[in-house]
Amino acid sequence: MYKHTIYVPKHDNDRSEHSYLTGMDICNELVEHLSLYFGGCTVLSGVGYYLMETKVVMDEVWLIHVIHSSADIKPNISNFIDKIKTDMKQESVLITTENVDAYFA
């Protein structure tokens, strides 16, 4: 099984007031899509940090976890990746994939 994590920013880089609502809408649509296509997902709220030039910047994100047998979910969420890039003014979207042993007990 594979655990995919999609990092959805809570704000655009300008931290505009409207961008939080836009990010939440994208997150909600993505959760619905993943639940219908893969059977479910988990959403956690997180805070990331990165270096921009010489300054450390904090970035609030939603981490959406999906566990599934598919090794690559990008083809199934490409429209959401494009939407995050466009609507949230992002150069890229971070997606991680891990091999996991998953089971229901």
PDB file of N, CA and C in Angstrom:
ATOM      1  N   MET A   1       0.849  -1.181   0.000  1.00  0.00           N
ATOM      2  CA  MET A   1       0.000   0.000   0.000  1.00  0.00           C
ATOM      3  C   MET A   1       0.893   1.242   0.000  1.00  0.00           C
ATOM      4  N   TYR A   2       0.294   2.342  -0.431  1.00  0.00           N
ATOM      5  CA  TYR A   2       1.014   3.609  -0.497  1.00  0.00           C
ATOM      6  C   TYR A   2       0.237   4.680   0.263  1.00  0.00           C
ATOM      7  N   LYS A   3       0.973   5.503   0.976  1.00  0.00           N
ATOM      8  CA  LYS A   3       0.364   6.664   1.634  1.00  0.00           C
ATOM      9  C   LYS A   3       0.835   7.901   0.890  1.00  0.00           C
ATOM     10  N   HIS A   4      -0.117   8.583   0.296  1.00  0.00           N
ATOM     11  CA  HIS A   4       0.151   9.817  -0.434  1.00  0.00           C
ATOM     12  C   HIS A   4      -0.259  10.991   0.447  1.00  0.00           C
ATOM     13  N   THR A   5       0.563  12.003   0.497  1.00  0.00           N
ATOM     14  CA  THR A   5       0.232  13.214   1.235  1.00  0.00           C
ATOM     15  C   THR A   5       0.296  14.394   0.282  1.00  0.00           C
ATOM     16  N   ILE A   6      -0.802  15.137   0.226  1.00  0.00           N
ATOM     17  CA  ILE A   6      -0.903  16.322  -0.619  1.00  0.00           C
ATOM     18  C   ILE A   6      -0.922  17.536   0.312  1.00  0.00           C
ATOM     19  N   TYR A   7      -0.035  18.471   0.075  1.00  0.00           N
ATOM     20  CA  TYR A   7       0.081  19.661   0.911  1.00  0.00           C
ATOM     21  C   TYR A   7      -0.674  20.808   0.232  1.00  0.00           C
ATOM     22  N   VAL A   8      -1.764  21.234   0.868  1.00  0.00           N
ATOM     23  CA  VAL A   8      -2.600  22.302   0.313  1.00  0.00           C
ATOM     24  C   VAL A   8      -2.401  23.550   1.164  1.00  0.00           C
ATOM     25  N   PRO A   9      -1.900  24.643   0.577  1.00  0.00           N
ATOM     26  CA  PRO A   9      -1.669  25.855   1.366  1.00  0.00           C
ATOM     27  C   PRO A   9      -2.982  26.477   1.829  1.00  0.00           C
ATOM     28  N   LYS A  10      -2.941  27.051   3.031  1.00  0.00           N
ATOM     29  CA  LYS A  10      -4.128  27.725   3.564  1.00  0.00           C
ATOM     30  C   LYS A  10      -4.242  29.159   3.056  1.00  0.00           C
ATOM     31  N   HIS A  11      -3.154  29.699   2.527  1.00  0.00           N
ATOM     32  CA  HIS A  11      -3.143  31.067   2.005  1.00  0.00           C
ATOM     33  C   HIS A  11      -2.267  31.106   0.763  1.00  0.00           C
ATOM     34  N   ASP A  12      -2.494  32.108  -0.068  1.00  0.00           N
ATOM     35  CA  ASP A  12      -1.568  32.325  -1.172  1.00  0.00           C
ATOM     36  C   ASP A  12      -0.335  33.046  -0.611  1.00  0.00           C
ATOM     37  N   ASN A  13       0.658  33.277  -1.458  1.00  0.00           N
ATOM     38  CA  ASN A  13       1.896  33.908  -0.994  1.00  0.00           C
ATOM     39  C   ASN A  13       1.703  35.348  -0.540  1.00  0.00           C
ATOM     40  N   ASP A  14       0.644  35.992  -1.005  1.00  0.00           N
ATOM     41  CA  ASP A  14       0.349  37.359  -0.577  1.00  0.00           C
ATOM     42  C   ASP A  14      -0.440  37.379   0.726  1.00  0.00           C
ATOM     43  N   ARG A  15      -0.871  36.184   1.188  1.00  0.00           N
ATOM     44  CA  ARG A  15      -1.674  36.033   2.395  1.00  0.00           C
ATOM     45  C   ARG A  15      -2.928  36.904   2.358  1.00  0.00           C
ATOM     46  N   SER A  16      -3.534  36.981   1.188  1.00  0.00           N
ATOM     47  CA  SER A  16      -4.755  37.771   1.042  1.00  0.00           C
ATOM     48  C   SER A  16      -5.883  37.133   1.841  1.00  0.00           C
ATOM     49  N   GLU A  17      -6.800  37.949   2.304  1.00  0.00           N
ATOM     50  CA  GLU A  17      -7.908  37.468   3.128  1.00  0.00           C
ATOM     51  C   GLU A  17      -8.741  36.421   2.384  1.00  0.00           C
ATOM     52  N   HIS A  18      -8.982  36.662   1.130  1.00  0.00           N
ATOM     53  CA  HIS A  18      -9.828  35.759   0.346  1.00  0.00           C
ATOM     54  C   HIS A  18      -9.153  34.417   0.080  1.00  0.00           C
ATOM     55  N   SER A  19      -7.820  34.387   0.115  1.00  0.00           N
ATOM     56  CA  SER A  19      -7.117  33.155  -0.252  1.00  0.00           C
ATOM     57  C   SER A  19      -7.396  32.011   0.726  1.00  0.00           C
ATOM     58  N   TYR A  20      -7.663  32.313   2.001  1.00  0.00           N
ATOM     59  CA  TYR A  20      -7.982  31.249   2.955  1.00  0.00           C
ATOM     60  C   TYR A  20      -9.264  30.529   2.534  1.00  0.00           C
ATOM     61  N   LEU A  21     -10.279  31.285   2.139  1.00  0.00           N
ATOM     62  CA  LEU A  21     -11.537  30.684   1.694  1.00  0.00           C
ATOM     63  C   LEU A  21     -11.336  29.882   0.415  1.00  0.00           C
ATOM     64  N   THR A  22     -10.508  30.411  -0.480  1.00  0.00           N
ATOM     65  CA  THR A  22     -10.197  29.697  -1.716  1.00  0.00           C
ATOM     66  C   THR A  22      -9.492  28.382  -1.402  1.00  0.00           C
ATOM     67  N   GLY A  23      -8.502  28.432  -0.510  1.00  0.00           N
ATOM     68  CA  GLY A  23      -7.779  27.226  -0.112  1.00  0.00           C
ATOM     69  C   GLY A  23      -8.693  26.207   0.540  1.00  0.00           C
ATOM     70  N   MET A  24      -9.605  26.681   1.385  1.00  0.00           N
ATOM     71  CA  MET A  24     -10.543  25.779   2.052  1.00  0.00           C
ATOM     72  C   MET A  24     -11.476  25.127   1.044  1.00  0.00           C
ATOM     73  N   ASP A  25     -11.932  25.891   0.062  1.00  0.00           N
ATOM     74  CA  ASP A  25     -12.796  25.331  -0.984  1.00  0.00           C
ATOM     75  C   ASP A  25     -12.064  24.237  -1.774  1.00  0.00           C
ATOM     76  N   ILE A  26     -10.810  24.508  -2.139  1.00  0.00           N
ATOM     77  CA  ILE A  26     -10.025  23.517  -2.877  1.00  0.00           C
ATOM     78  C   ILE A  26      -9.832  22.267  -2.026  1.00  0.00           C
ATOM     79  N   CYS A  27      -9.505  22.464  -0.752  1.00  0.00           N
ATOM     80  CA  CYS A  27      -9.311  21.333   0.159  1.00  0.00           C
ATOM     81  C   CYS A  27     -10.584  20.502   0.264  1.00  0.00           C
ATOM     82  N   ASN A  28     -11.718  21.161   0.442  1.00  0.00           N
ATOM     83  CA  ASN A  28     -12.994  20.441   0.558  1.00  0.00           C
ATOM     84  C   ASN A  28     -13.344  19.680  -0.712  1.00  0.00           C
ATOM     85  N   GLU A  29     -13.123  20.296  -1.875  1.00  0.00           N
ATOM     86  CA  GLU A  29     -13.387  19.622  -3.146  1.00  0.00           C
ATOM     87  C   GLU A  29     -12.459  18.421  -3.335  1.00  0.00           C
ATOM     88  N   LEU A  30     -11.204  18.598  -2.941  1.00  0.00           N
ATOM     89  CA  LEU A  30     -10.234  17.515  -3.067  1.00  0.00           C
ATOM     90  C   LEU A  30     -10.585  16.352  -2.128  1.00  0.00           C
ATOM     91  N   VAL A  31     -11.015  16.666  -0.911  1.00  0.00           N
ATOM     92  CA  VAL A  31     -11.437  15.628   0.035  1.00  0.00           C
ATOM     93  C   VAL A  31     -12.621  14.842  -0.525  1.00  0.00           C
ATOM     94  N   GLU A  32     -13.582  15.538  -1.103  1.00  0.00           N
ATOM     95  CA  GLU A  32     -14.738  14.849  -1.688  1.00  0.00           C
ATOM     96  C   GLU A  32     -14.302  13.945  -2.840  1.00  0.00           C
ATOM     97  N   HIS A  33     -13.440  14.467  -3.695  1.00  0.00           N
ATOM     98  CA  HIS A  33     -12.945  13.697  -4.838  1.00  0.00           C
ATOM     99  C   HIS A  33     -12.181  12.460  -4.376  1.00  0.00           C
ATOM    100  N   LEU A  34     -11.264  12.641  -3.430  1.00  0.00           N
ATOM    101  CA  LEU A  34     -10.462  11.521  -2.937  1.00  0.00           C
ATOM    102  C   LEU A  34     -11.322  10.478  -2.239  1.00  0.00           C
ATOM    103  N   SER A  35     -12.326  10.932  -1.520  1.00  0.00           N
ATOM    104  CA  SER A  35     -13.220  10.001  -0.828  1.00  0.00           C
ATOM    105  C   SER A  35     -14.024   9.179  -1.822  1.00  0.00           C
ATOM    106  N   LEU A  36     -14.476   9.811  -2.891  1.00  0.00           N
ATOM    107  CA  LEU A  36     -15.240   9.096  -3.907  1.00  0.00           C
ATOM    108  C   LEU A  36     -14.347   8.158  -4.716  1.00  0.00           C
ATOM    109  N   TYR A  37     -13.141   8.613  -5.067  1.00  0.00           N
ATOM    110  CA  TYR A  37     -12.277   7.839  -5.955  1.00  0.00           C
ATOM    111  C   TYR A  37     -11.471   6.779  -5.216  1.00  0.00           C
ATOM    112  N   PHE A  38     -10.954   7.110  -4.029  1.00  0.00           N
ATOM    113  CA  PHE A  38     -10.077   6.197  -3.294  1.00  0.00           C
ATOM    114  C   PHE A  38     -10.732   5.613  -2.047  1.00  0.00           C
ATOM    115  N   GLY A  39     -11.940   6.041  -1.700  1.00  0.00           N
ATOM    116  CA  GLY A  39     -12.636   5.478  -0.549  1.00  0.00           C
ATOM    117  C   GLY A  39     -12.483   6.253   0.734  1.00  0.00           C
ATOM    118  N   GLY A  40     -11.642   7.273   0.764  1.00  0.00           N
ATOM    119  CA  GLY A  40     -11.494   8.078   1.967  1.00  0.00           C
ATOM    120  C   GLY A  40     -10.146   8.756   2.043  1.00  0.00           C
ATOM    121  N   CYS A  41     -10.005   9.634   3.004  1.00  0.00           N
ATOM    122  CA  CYS A  41      -8.752  10.341   3.230  1.00  0.00           C
ATOM    123  C   CYS A  41      -8.778  10.937   4.638  1.00  0.00           C
ATOM    124  N   THR A  42      -7.649  11.441   5.077  1.00  0.00           N
ATOM    125  CA  THR A  42      -7.530  12.093   6.375  1.00  0.00           C
ATOM    126  C   THR A  42      -6.903  13.457   6.157  1.00  0.00           C
ATOM    127  N   VAL A  43      -7.431  14.472   6.848  1.00  0.00           N
ATOM    128  CA  VAL A  43      -6.907  15.830   6.715  1.00  0.00           C
ATOM    129  C   VAL A  43      -6.380  16.286   8.064  1.00  0.00           C
ATOM    130  N   LEU A  44      -5.147  16.762   8.060  1.00  0.00           N
ATOM    131  CA  LEU A  44      -4.529  17.339   9.250  1.00  0.00           C
ATOM    132  C   LEU A  44      -4.129  18.771   8.948  1.00  0.00           C
ATOM    133  N   SER A  45      -4.133  19.598   9.967  1.00  0.00           N
ATOM    134  CA  SER A  45      -3.673  20.971   9.837  1.00  0.00           C
ATOM    135  C   SER A  45      -2.214  21.014  10.259  1.00  0.00           C
ATOM    136  N   GLY A  46      -1.393  21.720   9.505  1.00  0.00           N
ATOM    137  CA  GLY A  46       0.029  21.773   9.822  1.00  0.00           C
ATOM    138  C   GLY A  46       0.635  23.127   9.560  1.00  0.00           C
ATOM    139  N   VAL A  47       1.847  23.275  10.026  1.00  0.00           N
ATOM    140  CA  VAL A  47       2.620  24.489   9.807  1.00  0.00           C
ATOM    141  C   VAL A  47       3.979  24.075   9.270  1.00  0.00           C
ATOM    142  N   GLY A  48       4.356  24.628   8.138  1.00  0.00           N
ATOM    143  CA  GLY A  48       5.658  24.355   7.557  1.00  0.00           C
ATOM    144  C   GLY A  48       6.499  25.617   7.548  1.00  0.00           C
ATOM    145  N   TYR A  49       7.788  25.426   7.405  1.00  0.00           N
ATOM    146  CA  TYR A  49       8.718  26.552   7.365  1.00  0.00           C
ATOM    147  C   TYR A  49       9.659  26.342   6.190  1.00  0.00           C
ATOM    148  N   TYR A  50      10.040  27.440   5.542  1.00  0.00           N
ATOM    149  CA  TYR A  50      10.997  27.337   4.454  1.00  0.00           C
ATOM    150  C   TYR A  50      11.808  28.625   4.389  1.00  0.00           C
ATOM    151  N   LEU A  51      12.947  28.537   3.746  1.00  0.00           N
ATOM    152  CA  LEU A  51      13.838  29.681   3.616  1.00  0.00           C
ATOM    153  C   LEU A  51      13.548  30.387   2.308  1.00  0.00           C
ATOM    154  N   MET A  52      13.189  31.669   2.387  1.00  0.00           N
ATOM    155  CA  MET A  52      12.977  32.493   1.203  1.00  0.00           C
ATOM    156  C   MET A  52      14.043  33.581   1.227  1.00  0.00           C
ATOM    157  N   GLU A  53      14.990  33.442   0.316  1.00  0.00           N
ATOM    158  CA  GLU A  53      16.173  34.310   0.284  1.00  0.00           C
ATOM    159  C   GLU A  53      16.916  34.167   1.610  1.00  0.00           C
ATOM    160  N   THR A  54      16.814  35.121   2.527  1.00  0.00           N
ATOM    161  CA  THR A  54      17.526  35.022   3.810  1.00  0.00           C
ATOM    162  C   THR A  54      16.572  35.008   4.997  1.00  0.00           C
ATOM    163  N   LYS A  55      15.289  34.807   4.737  1.00  0.00           N
ATOM    164  CA  LYS A  55      14.278  34.876   5.792  1.00  0.00           C
ATOM    165  C   LYS A  55      13.530  33.545   5.896  1.00  0.00           C
ATOM    166  N   VAL A  56      13.301  33.077   7.127  1.00  0.00           N
ATOM    167  CA  VAL A  56      12.505  31.878   7.340  1.00  0.00           C
ATOM    168  C   VAL A  56      11.035  32.290   7.361  1.00  0.00           C
ATOM    169  N   VAL A  57      10.237  31.622   6.529  1.00  0.00           N
ATOM    170  CA  VAL A  57       8.830  31.964   6.356  1.00  0.00           C
ATOM    171  C   VAL A  57       7.966  30.799   6.867  1.00  0.00           C
ATOM    172  N   MET A  58       6.895  31.136   7.608  1.00  0.00           N
ATOM    173  CA  MET A  58       5.950  30.130   8.080  1.00  0.00           C
ATOM    174  C   MET A  58       4.833  30.000   7.056  1.00  0.00           C
ATOM    175  N   ASP A  59       4.394  28.766   6.822  1.00  0.00           N
ATOM    176  CA  ASP A  59       3.341  28.511   5.844  1.00  0.00           C
ATOM    177  C   ASP A  59       2.352  27.516   6.445  1.00  0.00           C
ATOM    178  N   GLU A  60       1.094  27.917   6.607  1.00  0.00           N
ATOM    179  CA  GLU A  60       0.070  27.024   7.132  1.00  0.00           C
ATOM    180  C   GLU A  60      -0.491  26.184   5.988  1.00  0.00           C
ATOM    181  N   VAL A  61      -0.681  24.886   6.262  1.00  0.00           N
ATOM    182  CA  VAL A  61      -1.133  23.960   5.223  1.00  0.00           C
ATOM    183  C   VAL A  61      -2.141  22.966   5.785  1.00  0.00           C
ATOM    184  N   TRP A  62      -2.897  22.389   4.864  1.00  0.00           N
ATOM    185  CA  TRP A  62      -3.669  21.183   5.159  1.00  0.00           C
ATOM    186  C   TRP A  62      -2.893  20.038   4.541  1.00  0.00           C
ATOM    187  N   LEU A  63      -2.703  18.973   5.300  1.00  0.00           N
ATOM    188  CA  LEU A  63      -2.064  17.764   4.791  1.00  0.00           C
ATOM    189  C   LEU A  63      -3.165  16.738   4.582  1.00  0.00           C
ATOM    190  N   ILE A  64      -3.359  16.330   3.353  1.00  0.00           N
ATOM    191  CA  ILE A  64      -4.391  15.358   3.025  1.00  0.00           C
ATOM    192  C   ILE A  64      -3.705  14.028   2.751  1.00  0.00           C
ATOM    193  N   HIS A  65      -3.995  13.019   3.589  1.00  0.00           N
ATOM    194  CA  HIS A  65      -3.390  11.701   3.477  1.00  0.00           C
ATOM    195  C   HIS A  65      -4.371  10.736   2.813  1.00  0.00           C
ATOM    196  N   VAL A  66      -3.867   9.970   1.858  1.00  0.00           N
ATOM    197  CA  VAL A  66      -4.653   8.947   1.177  1.00  0.00           C
ATOM    198  C   VAL A  66      -3.838   7.662   1.189  1.00  0.00           C
ATOM    199  N   ILE A  67      -4.440   6.585   1.665  1.00  0.00           N
ATOM    200  CA  ILE A  67      -3.775   5.282   1.627  1.00  0.00           C
ATOM    201  C   ILE A  67      -4.496   4.431   0.594  1.00  0.00           C
ATOM    202  N   HIS A  68      -3.712   3.928  -0.371  1.00  0.00           N
ATOM    203  CA  HIS A  68      -4.325   3.202  -1.483  1.00  0.00           C
ATOM    204  C   HIS A  68      -3.279   2.310  -2.137  1.00  0.00           C
ATOM    205  N   SER A  69      -3.737   1.385  -2.943  1.00  0.00           N
ATOM    206  CA  SER A  69      -2.826   0.481  -3.646  1.00  0.00           C
ATOM    207  C   SER A  69      -2.167   1.139  -4.855  1.00  0.00           C
ATOM    208  N   SER A  70      -2.690   2.259  -5.297  1.00  0.00           N
ATOM    209  CA  SER A  70      -2.132   2.956  -6.450  1.00  0.00           C
ATOM    210  C   SER A  70      -0.824   3.659  -6.068  1.00  0.00           C
ATOM    211  N   ALA A  71       0.234   3.413  -6.851  1.00  0.00           N
ATOM    212  CA  ALA A  71       1.536   4.013  -6.562  1.00  0.00           C
ATOM    213  C   ALA A  71       1.619   5.479  -6.972  1.00  0.00           C
ATOM    214  N   ASP A  72       0.751   5.911  -7.848  1.00  0.00           N
ATOM    215  CA  ASP A  72       0.803   7.294  -8.344  1.00  0.00           C
ATOM    216  C   ASP A  72      -0.615   7.843  -8.422  1.00  0.00           C
ATOM    217  N   ILE A  73      -0.908   8.864  -7.632  1.00  0.00           N
ATOM    218  CA  ILE A  73      -2.243   9.453  -7.682  1.00  0.00           C
ATOM    219  C   ILE A  73      -2.279  10.746  -8.493  1.00  0.00           C
ATOM    220  N   LYS A  74      -1.115  11.207  -8.957  1.00  0.00           N
ATOM    221  CA  LYS A  74      -1.083  12.478  -9.692  1.00  0.00           C
ATOM    222  C   LYS A  74      -2.049  12.526 -10.876  1.00  0.00           C
ATOM    223  N   PRO A  75      -2.147  11.454 -11.681  1.00  0.00           N
ATOM    224  CA  PRO A  75      -3.096  11.523 -12.798  1.00  0.00           C
ATOM    225  C   PRO A  75      -4.549  11.736 -12.343  1.00  0.00           C
ATOM    226  N   ASN A  76      -4.875  11.264 -11.144  1.00  0.00           N
ATOM    227  CA  ASN A  76      -6.242  11.386 -10.650  1.00  0.00           C
ATOM    228  C   ASN A  76      -6.540  12.736 -10.007  1.00  0.00           C
ATOM    229  N   ILE A  77      -5.496  13.514  -9.731  1.00  0.00           N
ATOM    230  CA  ILE A  77      -5.712  14.807  -9.072  1.00  0.00           C
ATOM    231  C   ILE A  77      -5.067  15.956  -9.837  1.00  0.00           C
ATOM    232  N   SER A  78      -4.726  15.737 -11.100  1.00  0.00           N
ATOM    233  CA  SER A  78      -4.006  16.763 -11.867  1.00  0.00           C
ATOM    234  C   SER A  78      -4.787  18.075 -11.958  1.00  0.00           C
ATOM    235  N   ASN A  79      -6.110  17.997 -12.056  1.00  0.00           N
ATOM    236  CA  ASN A  79      -6.887  19.238 -12.130  1.00  0.00           C
ATOM    237  C   ASN A  79      -6.816  20.004 -10.810  1.00  0.00           C
ATOM    238  N   PHE A  80      -6.713  19.297  -9.677  1.00  0.00           N
ATOM    239  CA  PHE A  80      -6.572  19.971  -8.386  1.00  0.00           C
ATOM    240  C   PHE A  80      -5.182  20.586  -8.236  1.00  0.00           C
ATOM    241  N   ILE A  81      -4.176  19.901  -8.748  1.00  0.00           N
ATOM    242  CA  ILE A  81      -2.823  20.459  -8.728  1.00  0.00           C
ATOM    243  C   ILE A  81      -2.798  21.769  -9.504  1.00  0.00           C
ATOM    244  N   ASP A  82      -3.387  21.770 -10.695  1.00  0.00           N
ATOM    245  CA  ASP A  82      -3.457  22.987 -11.504  1.00  0.00           C
ATOM    246  C   ASP A  82      -4.230  24.086 -10.788  1.00  0.00           C
ATOM    247  N   LYS A  83      -5.314  23.720 -10.131  1.00  0.00           N
ATOM    248  CA  LYS A  83      -6.145  24.700  -9.417  1.00  0.00           C
ATOM    249  C   LYS A  83      -5.375  25.326  -8.244  1.00  0.00           C
ATOM    250  N   ILE A  84      -4.643  24.499  -7.500  1.00  0.00           N
ATOM    251  CA  ILE A  84      -3.840  25.022  -6.394  1.00  0.00           C
ATOM    252  C   ILE A  84      -2.784  25.982  -6.928  1.00  0.00           C
ATOM    253  N   LYS A  85      -2.108  25.593  -8.007  1.00  0.00           N
ATOM    254  CA  LYS A  85      -1.076  26.449  -8.581  1.00  0.00           C
ATOM    255  C   LYS A  85      -1.653  27.791  -9.042  1.00  0.00           C
ATOM    256  N   THR A  86      -2.776  27.722  -9.718  1.00  0.00           N
ATOM    257  CA  THR A  86      -3.379  28.936 -10.273  1.00  0.00           C
ATOM    258  C   THR A  86      -4.052  29.783  -9.204  1.00  0.00           C
ATOM    259  N   ASP A  87      -4.999  29.197  -8.485  1.00  0.00           N
ATOM    260  CA  ASP A  87      -5.822  29.966  -7.546  1.00  0.00           C
ATOM    261  C   ASP A  87      -5.060  30.386  -6.293  1.00  0.00           C
ATOM    262  N   MET A  88      -4.069  29.587  -5.886  1.00  0.00           N
ATOM    263  CA  MET A  88      -3.311  29.900  -4.672  1.00  0.00           C
ATOM    264  C   MET A  88      -1.934  30.495  -4.993  1.00  0.00           C
ATOM    265  N   LYS A  89      -1.695  30.770  -6.281  1.00  0.00           N
ATOM    266  CA  LYS A  89      -0.465  31.421  -6.745  1.00  0.00           C
ATOM    267  C   LYS A  89       0.795  30.665  -6.296  1.00  0.00           C
ATOM    268  N   GLN A  90       0.817  29.361  -6.572  1.00  0.00           N
ATOM    269  CA  GLN A  90       1.936  28.517  -6.177  1.00  0.00           C
ATOM    270  C   GLN A  90       2.727  28.085  -7.407  1.00  0.00           C
ATOM    271  N   GLU A  91       4.038  27.985  -7.273  1.00  0.00           N
ATOM    272  CA  GLU A  91       4.872  27.488  -8.357  1.00  0.00           C
ATOM    273  C   GLU A  91       4.749  25.976  -8.492  1.00  0.00           C
ATOM    274  N   SER A  92       4.499  25.315  -7.357  1.00  0.00           N
ATOM    275  CA  SER A  92       4.402  23.857  -7.364  1.00  0.00           C
ATOM    276  C   SER A  92       3.554  23.405  -6.181  1.00  0.00           C
ATOM    277  N   VAL A  93       3.202  22.121  -6.184  1.00  0.00           N
ATOM    278  CA  VAL A  93       2.438  21.502  -5.102  1.00  0.00           C
ATOM    279  C   VAL A  93       3.243  20.307  -4.615  1.00  0.00           C
ATOM    280  N   LEU A  94       3.481  20.238  -3.301  1.00  0.00           N
ATOM    281  CA  LEU A  94       4.237  19.127  -2.751  1.00  0.00           C
ATOM    282  C   LEU A  94       3.317  17.926  -2.543  1.00  0.00           C
ATOM    283  N   ILE A  95       3.741  16.790  -3.080  1.00  0.00           N
ATOM    284  CA  ILE A  95       3.047  15.517  -2.883  1.00  0.00           C
ATOM    285  C   ILE A  95       4.117  14.496  -2.513  1.00  0.00           C
ATOM    286  N   THR A  96       3.907  13.792  -1.411  1.00  0.00           N
ATOM    287  CA  THR A  96       4.854  12.751  -1.018  1.00  0.00           C
ATOM    288  C   THR A  96       4.164  11.391  -1.097  1.00  0.00           C
ATOM    289  N   THR A  97       4.944  10.359  -1.324  1.00  0.00           N
ATOM    290  CA  THR A  97       4.437   8.995  -1.383  1.00  0.00           C
ATOM    291  C   THR A  97       5.366   8.095  -0.574  1.00  0.00           C
ATOM    292  N   GLU A  98       4.758   7.298   0.308  1.00  0.00           N
ATOM    293  CA  GLU A  98       5.512   6.375   1.152  1.00  0.00           C
ATOM    294  C   GLU A  98       4.922   4.979   1.014  1.00  0.00           C
ATOM    295  N   ASN A  99       5.768   3.968   1.091  1.00  0.00           N
ATOM    296  CA  ASN A  99       5.300   2.588   1.205  1.00  0.00           C
ATOM    297  C   ASN A  99       4.895   2.367   2.659  1.00  0.00           C
ATOM    298  N   VAL A 100       3.701   1.850   2.874  1.00  0.00           N
ATOM    299  CA  VAL A 100       3.229   1.590   4.242  1.00  0.00           C
ATOM    300  C   VAL A 100       2.576   0.216   4.324  1.00  0.00           C
ATOM    301  N   ASP A 101       2.651  -0.365   5.501  1.00  0.00           N
ATOM    302  CA  ASP A 101       1.883  -1.560   5.802  1.00  0.00           C
ATOM    303  C   ASP A 101       0.612  -1.064   6.464  1.00  0.00           C
ATOM    304  N   ALA A 102      -0.500  -1.201   5.795  1.00  0.00           N
ATOM    305  CA  ALA A 102      -1.774  -0.682   6.318  1.00  0.00           C
ATOM    306  C   ALA A 102      -2.779  -1.806   6.397  1.00  0.00           C
ATOM    307  N   TYR A 103      -3.529  -1.848   7.490  1.00  0.00           N
ATOM    308  CA  TYR A 103      -4.574  -2.848   7.662  1.00  0.00           C
ATOM    309  C   TYR A 103      -5.571  -2.356   8.676  1.00  0.00           C
ATOM    310  N   PHE A 104      -6.766  -2.900   8.614  1.00  0.00           N
ATOM    311  CA  PHE A 104      -7.805  -2.623   9.611  1.00  0.00           C
ATOM    312  C   PHE A 104      -7.813  -3.779  10.593  1.00  0.00           C
ATOM    313  N   ALA A 105      -7.766  -3.461  11.876  1.00  0.00           N
ATOM    314  CA  ALA A 105      -7.733  -4.525  12.902  1.00  0.00           C
ATOM    315  C   ALA A 105      -9.058  -4.608  13.617  1.00  0.00           C
TER     316      ALA A 105
END
